[in-house]
Amino acid sequence: INDLRRLMPYFAAAARPYLGQDTGMARTVKLNPSDPAVMAIRP
């Protein structure tokens, strides 16, 4: 994928639980277009 506008809702959905927090380690978040976390953010 070479489109930041397409990816930004996924970035925001992945960041939601951890933004400003301490994850303790790098974590991998898997999302798909129908994920409620993405649907709630996508314009």
PDB file of all heavy atoms in Angstrom:
ATOM      1  N   ILE A   1       0.844  -1.197   0.000  1.00  0.00           N
ATOM      2  CA  ILE A   1       0.000   0.000   0.000  1.00  0.00           C
ATOM      3  C   ILE A   1       0.881   1.249   0.000  1.00  0.00           C
ATOM      4  O   ILE A   1       1.750   1.394   0.847  1.00  0.00           O
ATOM      5  CB  ILE A   1      -0.942   0.009   1.219  1.00  0.00           C
ATOM      6  CG1 ILE A   1      -1.824  -1.240   1.214  1.00  0.00           C
ATOM      7  CG2 ILE A   1      -1.802   1.271   1.230  1.00  0.00           C
ATOM      8  CD1 ILE A   1      -2.696  -1.374   2.449  1.00  0.00           C
ATOM      9  N   ASN A   2       0.608   2.136  -0.947  1.00  0.00           N
ATOM     10  CA  ASN A   2       1.386   3.370  -1.068  1.00  0.00           C
ATOM     11  C   ASN A   2       0.436   4.565  -0.986  1.00  0.00           C
ATOM     12  O   ASN A   2       0.420   5.427  -1.861  1.00  0.00           O
ATOM     13  CB  ASN A   2       2.160   3.366  -2.393  1.00  0.00           C
ATOM     14  CG  ASN A   2       3.081   4.566  -2.520  1.00  0.00           C
ATOM     15  OD1 ASN A   2       3.490   5.149  -1.521  1.00  0.00           O
ATOM     16  ND2 ASN A   2       3.403   4.944  -3.742  1.00  0.00           N
ATOM     17  N   ASP A   3      -0.381   4.589   0.078  1.00  0.00           N
ATOM     18  CA  ASP A   3      -1.401   5.625   0.201  1.00  0.00           C
ATOM     19  C   ASP A   3      -1.630   5.913   1.682  1.00  0.00           C
ATOM     20  O   ASP A   3      -2.303   5.145   2.377  1.00  0.00           O
ATOM     21  CB  ASP A   3      -2.690   5.160  -0.474  1.00  0.00           C
ATOM     22  CG  ASP A   3      -3.774   6.223  -0.483  1.00  0.00           C
ATOM     23  OD1 ASP A   3      -3.595   7.273   0.167  1.00  0.00           O
ATOM     24  OD2 ASP A   3      -4.817   6.001  -1.123  1.00  0.00           O
ATOM     25  N   LEU A   4      -1.067   7.016   2.171  1.00  0.00           N
ATOM     26  CA  LEU A   4      -1.215   7.350   3.584  1.00  0.00           C
ATOM     27  C   LEU A   4      -2.661   7.655   3.959  1.00  0.00           C
ATOM     28  O   LEU A   4      -3.089   7.358   5.076  1.00  0.00           O
ATOM     29  CB  LEU A   4      -0.327   8.542   3.945  1.00  0.00           C
ATOM     30  CG  LEU A   4       1.097   8.227   4.386  1.00  0.00           C
ATOM     31  CD1 LEU A   4       1.872   9.517   4.630  1.00  0.00           C
ATOM     32  CD2 LEU A   4       1.116   7.358   5.642  1.00  0.00           C
ATOM     33  N   ARG A   5      -3.415   8.223   3.061  1.00  0.00           N
ATOM     34  CA  ARG A   5      -4.817   8.529   3.364  1.00  0.00           C
ATOM     35  C   ARG A   5      -5.610   7.241   3.590  1.00  0.00           C
ATOM     36  O   ARG A   5      -6.510   7.201   4.423  1.00  0.00           O
ATOM     37  CB  ARG A   5      -5.458   9.344   2.256  1.00  0.00           C
ATOM     38  CG  ARG A   5      -4.845  10.722   2.067  1.00  0.00           C
ATOM     39  CD  ARG A   5      -5.635  11.554   1.098  1.00  0.00           C
ATOM     40  NE  ARG A   5      -6.866  12.059   1.705  1.00  0.00           N
ATOM     41  CZ  ARG A   5      -7.806  12.716   1.015  1.00  0.00           C
ATOM     42  NH1 ARG A   5      -7.661  12.917  -0.285  1.00  0.00           N
ATOM     43  NH2 ARG A   5      -8.885  13.160   1.627  1.00  0.00           N
ATOM     44  N   ARG A   6      -5.277   6.220   2.850  1.00  0.00           N
ATOM     45  CA  ARG A   6      -5.935   4.921   3.028  1.00  0.00           C
ATOM     46  C   ARG A   6      -5.516   4.266   4.341  1.00  0.00           C
ATOM     47  O   ARG A   6      -6.321   3.615   5.006  1.00  0.00           O
ATOM     48  CB  ARG A   6      -5.585   4.018   1.842  1.00  0.00           C
ATOM     49  CG  ARG A   6      -6.139   2.604   1.935  1.00  0.00           C
ATOM     50  CD  ARG A   6      -5.722   1.795   0.725  1.00  0.00           C
ATOM     51  NE  ARG A   6      -6.004   0.382   0.886  1.00  0.00           N
ATOM     52  CZ  ARG A   6      -5.615  -0.564   0.042  1.00  0.00           C
ATOM     53  NH1 ARG A   6      -4.950  -0.229  -1.054  1.00  0.00           N
ATOM     54  NH2 ARG A   6      -5.891  -1.832   0.264  1.00  0.00           N
ATOM     55  N   LEU A   7      -4.261   4.454   4.707  1.00  0.00           N
ATOM     56  CA  LEU A   7      -3.737   3.785   5.907  1.00  0.00           C
ATOM     57  C   LEU A   7      -4.034   4.517   7.209  1.00  0.00           C
ATOM     58  O   LEU A   7      -4.073   3.888   8.274  1.00  0.00           O
ATOM     59  CB  LEU A   7      -2.215   3.623   5.776  1.00  0.00           C
ATOM     60  CG  LEU A   7      -1.718   2.553   4.806  1.00  0.00           C
ATOM     61  CD1 LEU A   7      -0.207   2.663   4.638  1.00  0.00           C
ATOM     62  CD2 LEU A   7      -2.091   1.159   5.304  1.00  0.00           C
ATOM     63  N   MET A   8      -4.247   5.827   7.158  1.00  0.00           N
ATOM     64  CA  MET A   8      -4.337   6.593   8.394  1.00  0.00           C
ATOM     65  C   MET A   8      -5.441   6.116   9.343  1.00  0.00           C
ATOM     66  O   MET A   8      -5.220   6.076  10.566  1.00  0.00           O
ATOM     67  CB  MET A   8      -4.493   8.079   8.081  1.00  0.00           C
ATOM     68  CG  MET A   8      -4.086   8.980   9.228  1.00  0.00           C
ATOM     69  SD  MET A   8      -2.360   8.754   9.809  1.00  0.00           S
ATOM     70  CE  MET A   8      -1.413   9.296   8.386  1.00  0.00           C
ATOM     71  N   PRO A   9      -6.629   5.707   8.859  1.00  0.00           N
ATOM     72  CA  PRO A   9      -7.614   5.167   9.798  1.00  0.00           C
ATOM     73  C   PRO A   9      -7.120   3.916  10.535  1.00  0.00           C
ATOM     74  O   PRO A   9      -7.460   3.710  11.704  1.00  0.00           O
ATOM     75  CB  PRO A   9      -8.822   4.846   8.904  1.00  0.00           C
ATOM     76  CG  PRO A   9      -8.676   5.763   7.733  1.00  0.00           C
ATOM     77  CD  PRO A   9      -7.201   5.876   7.503  1.00  0.00           C
ATOM     78  N   TYR A  10      -6.313   3.106   9.849  1.00  0.00           N
ATOM     79  CA  TYR A  10      -5.751   1.919  10.490  1.00  0.00           C
ATOM     80  C   TYR A  10      -4.725   2.321  11.555  1.00  0.00           C
ATOM     81  O   TYR A  10      -4.673   1.729  12.640  1.00  0.00           O
ATOM     82  CB  TYR A  10      -5.096   1.007   9.455  1.00  0.00           C
ATOM     83  CG  TYR A  10      -6.066   0.380   8.483  1.00  0.00           C
ATOM     84  CD1 TYR A  10      -6.335   0.974   7.256  1.00  0.00           C
ATOM     85  CD2 TYR A  10      -6.716  -0.805   8.788  1.00  0.00           C
ATOM     86  CE1 TYR A  10      -7.221   0.403   6.360  1.00  0.00           C
ATOM     87  CE2 TYR A  10      -7.601  -1.396   7.904  1.00  0.00           C
ATOM     88  CZ  TYR A  10      -7.858  -0.776   6.688  1.00  0.00           C
ATOM     89  OH  TYR A  10      -8.744  -1.346   5.814  1.00  0.00           O
ATOM     90  N   PHE A  11      -3.905   3.318  11.241  1.00  0.00           N
ATOM     91  CA  PHE A  11      -2.947   3.809  12.228  1.00  0.00           C
ATOM     92  C   PHE A  11      -3.673   4.316  13.471  1.00  0.00           C
ATOM     93  O   PHE A  11      -3.288   4.014  14.606  1.00  0.00           O
ATOM     94  CB  PHE A  11      -2.096   4.940  11.633  1.00  0.00           C
ATOM     95  CG  PHE A  11      -0.933   4.475  10.807  1.00  0.00           C
ATOM     96  CD1 PHE A  11      -0.787   4.883   9.481  1.00  0.00           C
ATOM     97  CD2 PHE A  11       0.034   3.644  11.341  1.00  0.00           C
ATOM     98  CE1 PHE A  11       0.294   4.473   8.720  1.00  0.00           C
ATOM     99  CE2 PHE A  11       1.120   3.210  10.584  1.00  0.00           C
ATOM    100  CZ  PHE A  11       1.251   3.632   9.264  1.00  0.00           C
ATOM    101  N   ALA A  12      -4.726   5.096  13.256  1.00  0.00           N
ATOM    102  CA  ALA A  12      -5.461   5.656  14.391  1.00  0.00           C
ATOM    103  C   ALA A  12      -6.138   4.551  15.205  1.00  0.00           C
ATOM    104  O   ALA A  12      -6.118   4.576  16.439  1.00  0.00           O
ATOM    105  CB  ALA A  12      -6.490   6.666  13.900  1.00  0.00           C
ATOM    106  N   ALA A  13      -6.739   3.571  14.513  1.00  0.00           N
ATOM    107  CA  ALA A  13      -7.409   2.469  15.219  1.00  0.00           C
ATOM    108  C   ALA A  13      -6.411   1.658  16.039  1.00  0.00           C
ATOM    109  O   ALA A  13      -6.702   1.241  17.169  1.00  0.00           O
ATOM    110  CB  ALA A  13      -8.127   1.574  14.221  1.00  0.00           C
ATOM    111  N   ALA A  14      -5.225   1.432  15.474  1.00  0.00           N
ATOM    112  CA  ALA A  14      -4.200   0.680  16.202  1.00  0.00           C
ATOM    113  C   ALA A  14      -3.663   1.473  17.381  1.00  0.00           C
ATOM    114  O   ALA A  14      -3.306   0.911  18.427  1.00  0.00           O
ATOM    115  CB  ALA A  14      -3.059   0.310  15.253  1.00  0.00           C
ATOM    116  N   ALA A  15      -3.609   2.798  17.224  1.00  0.00           N
ATOM    117  CA  ALA A  15      -3.047   3.644  18.286  1.00  0.00           C
ATOM    118  C   ALA A  15      -4.017   3.848  19.446  1.00  0.00           C
ATOM    119  O   ALA A  15      -3.581   4.112  20.572  1.00  0.00           O
ATOM    120  CB  ALA A  15      -2.661   5.007  17.709  1.00  0.00           C
ATOM    121  N   ARG A  16      -5.315   3.731  19.176  1.00  0.00           N
ATOM    122  CA  ARG A  16      -6.329   4.100  20.173  1.00  0.00           C
ATOM    123  C   ARG A  16      -6.077   3.509  21.568  1.00  0.00           C
ATOM    124  O   ARG A  16      -6.106   4.233  22.561  1.00  0.00           O
ATOM    125  CB  ARG A  16      -7.724   3.728  19.667  1.00  0.00           C
ATOM    126  CG  ARG A  16      -8.828   3.969  20.678  1.00  0.00           C
ATOM    127  CD  ARG A  16     -10.192   3.920  20.040  1.00  0.00           C
ATOM    128  NE  ARG A  16     -10.678   5.254  19.735  1.00  0.00           N
ATOM    129  CZ  ARG A  16     -11.325   5.605  18.649  1.00  0.00           C
ATOM    130  NH1 ARG A  16     -11.580   4.700  17.725  1.00  0.00           N
ATOM    131  NH2 ARG A  16     -11.728   6.844  18.476  1.00  0.00           N
ATOM    132  N   PRO A  17      -5.814   2.223  21.730  1.00  0.00           N
ATOM    133  CA  PRO A  17      -5.608   1.696  23.091  1.00  0.00           C
ATOM    134  C   PRO A  17      -4.284   2.110  23.724  1.00  0.00           C
ATOM    135  O   PRO A  17      -4.124   2.033  24.941  1.00  0.00           O
ATOM    136  CB  PRO A  17      -5.643   0.173  22.899  1.00  0.00           C
ATOM    137  CG  PRO A  17      -6.151  -0.056  21.517  1.00  0.00           C
ATOM    138  CD  PRO A  17      -5.754   1.149  20.735  1.00  0.00           C
ATOM    139  N   TYR A  18      -3.316   2.538  22.907  1.00  0.00           N
ATOM    140  CA  TYR A  18      -1.958   2.713  23.407  1.00  0.00           C
ATOM    141  C   TYR A  18      -1.439   4.151  23.359  1.00  0.00           C
ATOM    142  O   TYR A  18      -0.373   4.436  23.909  1.00  0.00           O
ATOM    143  CB  TYR A  18      -0.991   1.845  22.584  1.00  0.00           C
ATOM    144  CG  TYR A  18      -1.391   0.396  22.505  1.00  0.00           C
ATOM    145  CD1 TYR A  18      -1.837  -0.163  21.300  1.00  0.00           C
ATOM    146  CD2 TYR A  18      -1.341  -0.424  23.627  1.00  0.00           C
ATOM    147  CE1 TYR A  18      -2.210  -1.494  21.219  1.00  0.00           C
ATOM    148  CE2 TYR A  18      -1.707  -1.755  23.559  1.00  0.00           C
ATOM    149  CZ  TYR A  18      -2.146  -2.289  22.349  1.00  0.00           C
ATOM    150  OH  TYR A  18      -2.516  -3.601  22.279  1.00  0.00           O
ATOM    151  N   LEU A  19      -2.144   5.057  22.721  1.00  0.00           N
ATOM    152  CA  LEU A  19      -1.644   6.419  22.548  1.00  0.00           C
ATOM    153  C   LEU A  19      -1.374   7.078  23.901  1.00  0.00           C
ATOM    154  O   LEU A  19      -2.239   7.151  24.760  1.00  0.00           O
ATOM    155  CB  LEU A  19      -2.653   7.249  21.758  1.00  0.00           C
ATOM    156  CG  LEU A  19      -2.180   8.639  21.311  1.00  0.00           C
ATOM    157  CD1 LEU A  19      -1.003   8.520  20.360  1.00  0.00           C
ATOM    158  CD2 LEU A  19      -3.322   9.405  20.652  1.00  0.00           C
ATOM    159  N   GLY A  20      -0.130   7.540  24.069  1.00  0.00           N
ATOM    160  CA  GLY A  20       0.245   8.173  25.324  1.00  0.00           C
ATOM    161  C   GLY A  20       0.505   7.210  26.458  1.00  0.00           C
ATOM    162  O   GLY A  20       0.819   7.628  27.576  1.00  0.00           O
ATOM    163  N   GLN A  21       0.394   5.905  26.194  1.00  0.00           N
ATOM    164  CA  GLN A  21       0.612   4.882  27.213  1.00  0.00           C
ATOM    165  C   GLN A  21       2.007   4.258  27.037  1.00  0.00           C
ATOM    166  O   GLN A  21       2.771   4.657  26.167  1.00  0.00           O
ATOM    167  CB  GLN A  21      -0.470   3.799  27.109  1.00  0.00           C
ATOM    168  CG  GLN A  21      -1.888   4.328  27.100  1.00  0.00           C
ATOM    169  CD  GLN A  21      -2.271   5.044  28.374  1.00  0.00           C
ATOM    170  OE1 GLN A  21      -1.992   4.566  29.481  1.00  0.00           O
ATOM    171  NE2 GLN A  21      -2.888   6.210  28.255  1.00  0.00           N
ATOM    172  N   ASP A  22       2.277   3.254  27.866  1.00  0.00           N
ATOM    173  CA  ASP A  22       3.542   2.526  27.756  1.00  0.00           C
ATOM    174  C   ASP A  22       3.221   1.083  27.419  1.00  0.00           C
ATOM    175  O   ASP A  22       2.638   0.354  28.226  1.00  0.00           O
ATOM    176  CB  ASP A  22       4.325   2.610  29.071  1.00  0.00           C
ATOM    177  CG  ASP A  22       5.782   2.181  28.901  1.00  0.00           C
ATOM    178  OD1 ASP A  22       6.030   1.279  28.070  1.00  0.00           O
ATOM    179  OD2 ASP A  22       6.655   2.741  29.580  1.00  0.00           O
ATOM    180  N   THR A  23       3.561   0.654  26.198  1.00  0.00           N
ATOM    181  CA  THR A  23       3.262  -0.718  25.774  1.00  0.00           C
ATOM    182  C   THR A  23       4.239  -1.731  26.361  1.00  0.00           C
ATOM    183  O   THR A  23       3.971  -2.931  26.334  1.00  0.00           O
ATOM    184  CB  THR A  23       3.303  -0.827  24.240  1.00  0.00           C
ATOM    185  OG1 THR A  23       4.585  -0.377  23.769  1.00  0.00           O
ATOM    186  CG2 THR A  23       2.212   0.020  23.613  1.00  0.00           C
ATOM    187  N   GLY A  24       5.372  -1.253  26.874  1.00  0.00           N
ATOM    188  CA  GLY A  24       6.360  -2.184  27.435  1.00  0.00           C
ATOM    189  C   GLY A  24       7.196  -2.876  26.380  1.00  0.00           C
ATOM    190  O   GLY A  24       8.317  -3.311  26.642  1.00  0.00           O
ATOM    191  N   MET A  25       6.653  -3.024  25.190  1.00  0.00           N
ATOM    192  CA  MET A  25       7.346  -3.643  24.057  1.00  0.00           C
ATOM    193  C   MET A  25       6.575  -3.281  22.793  1.00  0.00           C
ATOM    194  O   MET A  25       5.449  -2.766  22.862  1.00  0.00           O
ATOM    195  CB  MET A  25       7.402  -5.170  24.207  1.00  0.00           C
ATOM    196  CG  MET A  25       6.037  -5.830  24.126  1.00  0.00           C
ATOM    197  SD  MET A  25       6.091  -7.633  24.278  1.00  0.00           S
ATOM    198  CE  MET A  25       6.352  -7.777  26.039  1.00  0.00           C
ATOM    199  N   ALA A  26       7.194  -3.531  21.657  1.00  0.00           N
ATOM    200  CA  ALA A  26       6.478  -3.302  20.401  1.00  0.00           C
ATOM    201  C   ALA A  26       5.384  -4.351  20.251  1.00  0.00           C
ATOM    202  O   ALA A  26       5.588  -5.530  20.539  1.00  0.00           O
ATOM    203  CB  ALA A  26       7.450  -3.369  19.221  1.00  0.00           C
ATOM    204  N   ARG A  27       4.215  -3.917  19.814  1.00  0.00           N
ATOM    205  CA  ARG A  27       3.080  -4.811  19.640  1.00  0.00           C
ATOM    206  C   ARG A  27       2.588  -4.740  18.206  1.00  0.00           C
ATOM    207  O   ARG A  27       2.714  -3.710  17.549  1.00  0.00           O
ATOM    208  CB  ARG A  27       1.943  -4.453  20.600  1.00  0.00           C
ATOM    209  CG  ARG A  27       2.344  -4.536  22.071  1.00  0.00           C
ATOM    210  CD  ARG A  27       1.202  -4.109  22.989  1.00  0.00           C
ATOM    211  NE  ARG A  27       1.601  -4.165  24.386  1.00  0.00           N
ATOM    212  CZ  ARG A  27       1.500  -5.238  25.158  1.00  0.00           C
ATOM    213  NH1 ARG A  27       0.989  -6.352  24.643  1.00  0.00           N
ATOM    214  NH2 ARG A  27       1.887  -5.219  26.409  1.00  0.00           N
ATOM    215  N   THR A  28       2.024  -5.846  17.727  1.00  0.00           N
ATOM    216  CA  THR A  28       1.461  -5.886  16.387  1.00  0.00           C
ATOM    217  C   THR A  28      -0.058  -5.952  16.478  1.00  0.00           C
ATOM    218  O   THR A  28      -0.603  -6.833  17.134  1.00  0.00           O
ATOM    219  CB  THR A  28       1.985  -7.099  15.587  1.00  0.00           C
ATOM    220  OG1 THR A  28       3.408  -7.011  15.470  1.00  0.00           O
ATOM    221  CG2 THR A  28       1.376  -7.125  14.199  1.00  0.00           C
ATOM    222  N   VAL A  29      -0.705  -5.001  15.825  1.00  0.00           N
ATOM    223  CA  VAL A  29      -2.162  -4.943  15.802  1.00  0.00           C
ATOM    224  C   VAL A  29      -2.622  -5.296  14.398  1.00  0.00           C
ATOM    225  O   VAL A  29      -2.178  -4.687  13.428  1.00  0.00           O
ATOM    226  CB  VAL A  29      -2.677  -3.547  16.198  1.00  0.00           C
ATOM    227  CG1 VAL A  29      -4.200  -3.499  16.156  1.00  0.00           C
ATOM    228  CG2 VAL A  29      -2.162  -3.163  17.587  1.00  0.00           C
ATOM    229  N   LYS A  30      -3.503  -6.297  14.283  1.00  0.00           N
ATOM    230  CA  LYS A  30      -4.015  -6.725  12.979  1.00  0.00           C
ATOM    231  C   LYS A  30      -5.437  -6.200  12.806  1.00  0.00           C
ATOM    232  O   LYS A  30      -6.299  -6.416  13.658  1.00  0.00           O
ATOM    233  CB  LYS A  30      -4.001  -8.256  12.878  1.00  0.00           C
ATOM    234  CG  LYS A  30      -2.615  -8.857  13.017  1.00  0.00           C
ATOM    235  CD  LYS A  30      -2.668 -10.375  12.970  1.00  0.00           C
ATOM    236  CE  LYS A  30      -1.290 -10.990  13.181  1.00  0.00           C
ATOM    237  NZ  LYS A  30      -1.342 -12.473  13.153  1.00  0.00           N
ATOM    238  N   LEU A  31      -5.676  -5.524  11.686  1.00  0.00           N
ATOM    239  CA  LEU A  31      -6.977  -4.921  11.426  1.00  0.00           C
ATOM    240  C   LEU A  31      -7.397  -5.209   9.989  1.00  0.00           C
ATOM    241  O   LEU A  31      -6.560  -5.404   9.113  1.00  0.00           O
ATOM    242  CB  LEU A  31      -6.914  -3.407  11.631  1.00  0.00           C
ATOM    243  CG  LEU A  31      -6.537  -2.925  13.044  1.00  0.00           C
ATOM    244  CD1 LEU A  31      -6.098  -1.465  13.002  1.00  0.00           C
ATOM    245  CD2 LEU A  31      -7.706  -3.093  13.996  1.00  0.00           C
ATOM    246  N   ASN A  32      -8.696  -5.229   9.753  1.00  0.00           N
ATOM    247  CA  ASN A  32      -9.207  -5.349   8.394  1.00  0.00           C
ATOM    248  C   ASN A  32     -10.271  -4.282   8.176  1.00  0.00           C
ATOM    249  O   ASN A  32     -10.723  -3.645   9.131  1.00  0.00           O
ATOM    250  CB  ASN A  32      -9.754  -6.766   8.130  1.00  0.00           C
ATOM    251  CG  ASN A  32     -10.879  -7.126   9.084  1.00  0.00           C
ATOM    252  OD1 ASN A  32     -11.948  -6.509   9.051  1.00  0.00           O
ATOM    253  ND2 ASN A  32     -10.661  -8.123   9.937  1.00  0.00           N
ATOM    254  N   PRO A  33     -10.683  -4.040   6.924  1.00  0.00           N
ATOM    255  CA  PRO A  33     -11.593  -2.924   6.641  1.00  0.00           C
ATOM    256  C   PRO A  33     -12.906  -2.965   7.403  1.00  0.00           C
ATOM    257  O   PRO A  33     -13.502  -1.922   7.670  1.00  0.00           O
ATOM    258  CB  PRO A  33     -11.835  -3.040   5.128  1.00  0.00           C
ATOM    259  CG  PRO A  33     -10.628  -3.765   4.614  1.00  0.00           C
ATOM    260  CD  PRO A  33     -10.235  -4.713   5.696  1.00  0.00           C
ATOM    261  N   SER A  34     -13.381  -4.171   7.758  1.00  0.00           N
ATOM    262  CA  SER A  34     -14.660  -4.288   8.458  1.00  0.00           C
ATOM    263  C   SER A  34     -14.513  -4.278   9.966  1.00  0.00           C
ATOM    264  O   SER A  34     -15.513  -4.426  10.690  1.00  0.00           O
ATOM    265  CB  SER A  34     -15.377  -5.562   8.017  1.00  0.00           C
ATOM    266  OG  SER A  34     -14.603  -6.716   8.334  1.00  0.00           O
ATOM    267  N   ASP A  35     -13.283  -4.114  10.460  1.00  0.00           N
ATOM    268  CA  ASP A  35     -13.079  -4.091  11.907  1.00  0.00           C
ATOM    269  C   ASP A  35     -13.812  -2.894  12.504  1.00  0.00           C
ATOM    270  O   ASP A  35     -13.693  -1.763  12.010  1.00  0.00           O
ATOM    271  CB  ASP A  35     -11.579  -4.004  12.196  1.00  0.00           C
ATOM    272  CG  ASP A  35     -11.257  -4.309  13.644  1.00  0.00           C
ATOM    273  OD1 ASP A  35     -11.702  -3.533  14.524  1.00  0.00           O
ATOM    274  OD2 ASP A  35     -10.573  -5.300  13.899  1.00  0.00           O
ATOM    275  N   PRO A  36     -14.579  -3.090  13.589  1.00  0.00           N
ATOM    276  CA  PRO A  36     -15.311  -1.972  14.194  1.00  0.00           C
ATOM    277  C   PRO A  36     -14.417  -0.807  14.576  1.00  0.00           C
ATOM    278  O   PRO A  36     -14.840   0.353  14.504  1.00  0.00           O
ATOM    279  CB  PRO A  36     -15.957  -2.624  15.440  1.00  0.00           C
ATOM    280  CG  PRO A  36     -16.065  -4.062  15.108  1.00  0.00           C
ATOM    281  CD  PRO A  36     -14.879  -4.391  14.248  1.00  0.00           C
ATOM    282  N   ALA A  37     -13.182  -1.101  14.995  1.00  0.00           N
ATOM    283  CA  ALA A  37     -12.259  -0.028  15.385  1.00  0.00           C
ATOM    284  C   ALA A  37     -11.913   0.857  14.191  1.00  0.00           C
ATOM    285  O   ALA A  37     -11.747   2.076  14.336  1.00  0.00           O
ATOM    286  CB  ALA A  37     -10.984  -0.617  15.983  1.00  0.00           C
ATOM    287  N   VAL A  38     -11.824   0.254  13.011  1.00  0.00           N
ATOM    288  CA  VAL A  38     -11.540   1.017  11.795  1.00  0.00           C
ATOM    289  C   VAL A  38     -12.800   1.735  11.308  1.00  0.00           C
ATOM    290  O   VAL A  38     -12.754   2.900  10.912  1.00  0.00           O
ATOM    291  CB  VAL A  38     -10.983   0.098  10.688  1.00  0.00           C
ATOM    292  CG1 VAL A  38     -10.743   0.871   9.398  1.00  0.00           C
ATOM    293  CG2 VAL A  38      -9.694  -0.570  11.147  1.00  0.00           C
ATOM    294  N   MET A  39     -13.911   1.037  11.344  1.00  0.00           N
ATOM    295  CA  MET A  39     -15.174   1.617  10.887  1.00  0.00           C
ATOM    296  C   MET A  39     -15.546   2.859  11.702  1.00  0.00           C
ATOM    297  O   MET A  39     -16.128   3.816  11.190  1.00  0.00           O
ATOM    298  CB  MET A  39     -16.296   0.583  10.984  1.00  0.00           C
ATOM    299  CG  MET A  39     -16.087  -0.634  10.098  1.00  0.00           C
ATOM    300  SD  MET A  39     -16.262  -0.270   8.331  1.00  0.00           S
ATOM    301  CE  MET A  39     -18.027  -0.057   8.238  1.00  0.00           C
ATOM    302  N   ALA A  40     -15.184   2.829  12.992  1.00  0.00           N
ATOM    303  CA  ALA A  40     -15.534   3.956  13.862  1.00  0.00           C
ATOM    304  C   ALA A  40     -14.717   5.208  13.545  1.00  0.00           C
ATOM    305  O   ALA A  40     -15.134   6.318  13.853  1.00  0.00           O
ATOM    306  CB  ALA A  40     -15.327   3.573  15.315  1.00  0.00           C
ATOM    307  N   ILE A  41     -13.574   5.012  12.916  1.00  0.00           N
ATOM    308  CA  ILE A  41     -12.673   6.137  12.640  1.00  0.00           C
ATOM    309  C   ILE A  41     -12.776   6.605  11.204  1.00  0.00           C
ATOM    310  O   ILE A  41     -12.723   7.807  10.926  1.00  0.00           O
ATOM    311  CB  ILE A  41     -11.220   5.741  12.958  1.00  0.00           C
ATOM    312  CG1 ILE A  41     -11.055   5.567  14.480  1.00  0.00           C
ATOM    313  CG2 ILE A  41     -10.225   6.762  12.430  1.00  0.00           C
ATOM    314  CD1 ILE A  41      -9.718   5.037  14.888  1.00  0.00           C
ATOM    315  N   ARG A  42     -12.962   5.655  10.283  1.00  0.00           N
ATOM    316  CA  ARG A  42     -12.957   6.010   8.855  1.00  0.00           C
ATOM    317  C   ARG A  42     -14.042   7.030   8.551  1.00  0.00           C
ATOM    318  O   ARG A  42     -15.193   6.885   8.981  1.00  0.00           O
ATOM    319  CB  ARG A  42     -13.169   4.758   8.015  1.00  0.00           C
ATOM    320  CG  ARG A  42     -13.177   5.040   6.523  1.00  0.00           C
ATOM    321  CD  ARG A  42     -13.407   3.794   5.720  1.00  0.00           C
ATOM    322  NE  ARG A  42     -12.245   2.922   5.741  1.00  0.00           N
ATOM    323  CZ  ARG A  42     -12.333   1.613   5.896  1.00  0.00           C
ATOM    324  NH1 ARG A  42     -13.485   1.045   6.075  1.00  0.00           N
ATOM    325  NH2 ARG A  42     -11.234   0.879   5.880  1.00  0.00           N
ATOM    326  N   PRO A  43     -13.717   8.093   7.810  1.00  0.00           N
ATOM    327  CA  PRO A  43     -14.715   9.125   7.503  1.00  0.00           C
ATOM    328  C   PRO A  43     -15.786   8.605   6.546  1.00  0.00           C
ATOM    329  O   PRO A  43     -15.590   7.665   5.839  1.00  0.00           O
ATOM    330  CB  PRO A  43     -13.863  10.232   6.850  1.00  0.00           C
ATOM    331  CG  PRO A  43     -12.648   9.528   6.326  1.00  0.00           C
ATOM    332  CD  PRO A  43     -12.389   8.385   7.268  1.00  0.00           C
TER     333      PRO A  43
END
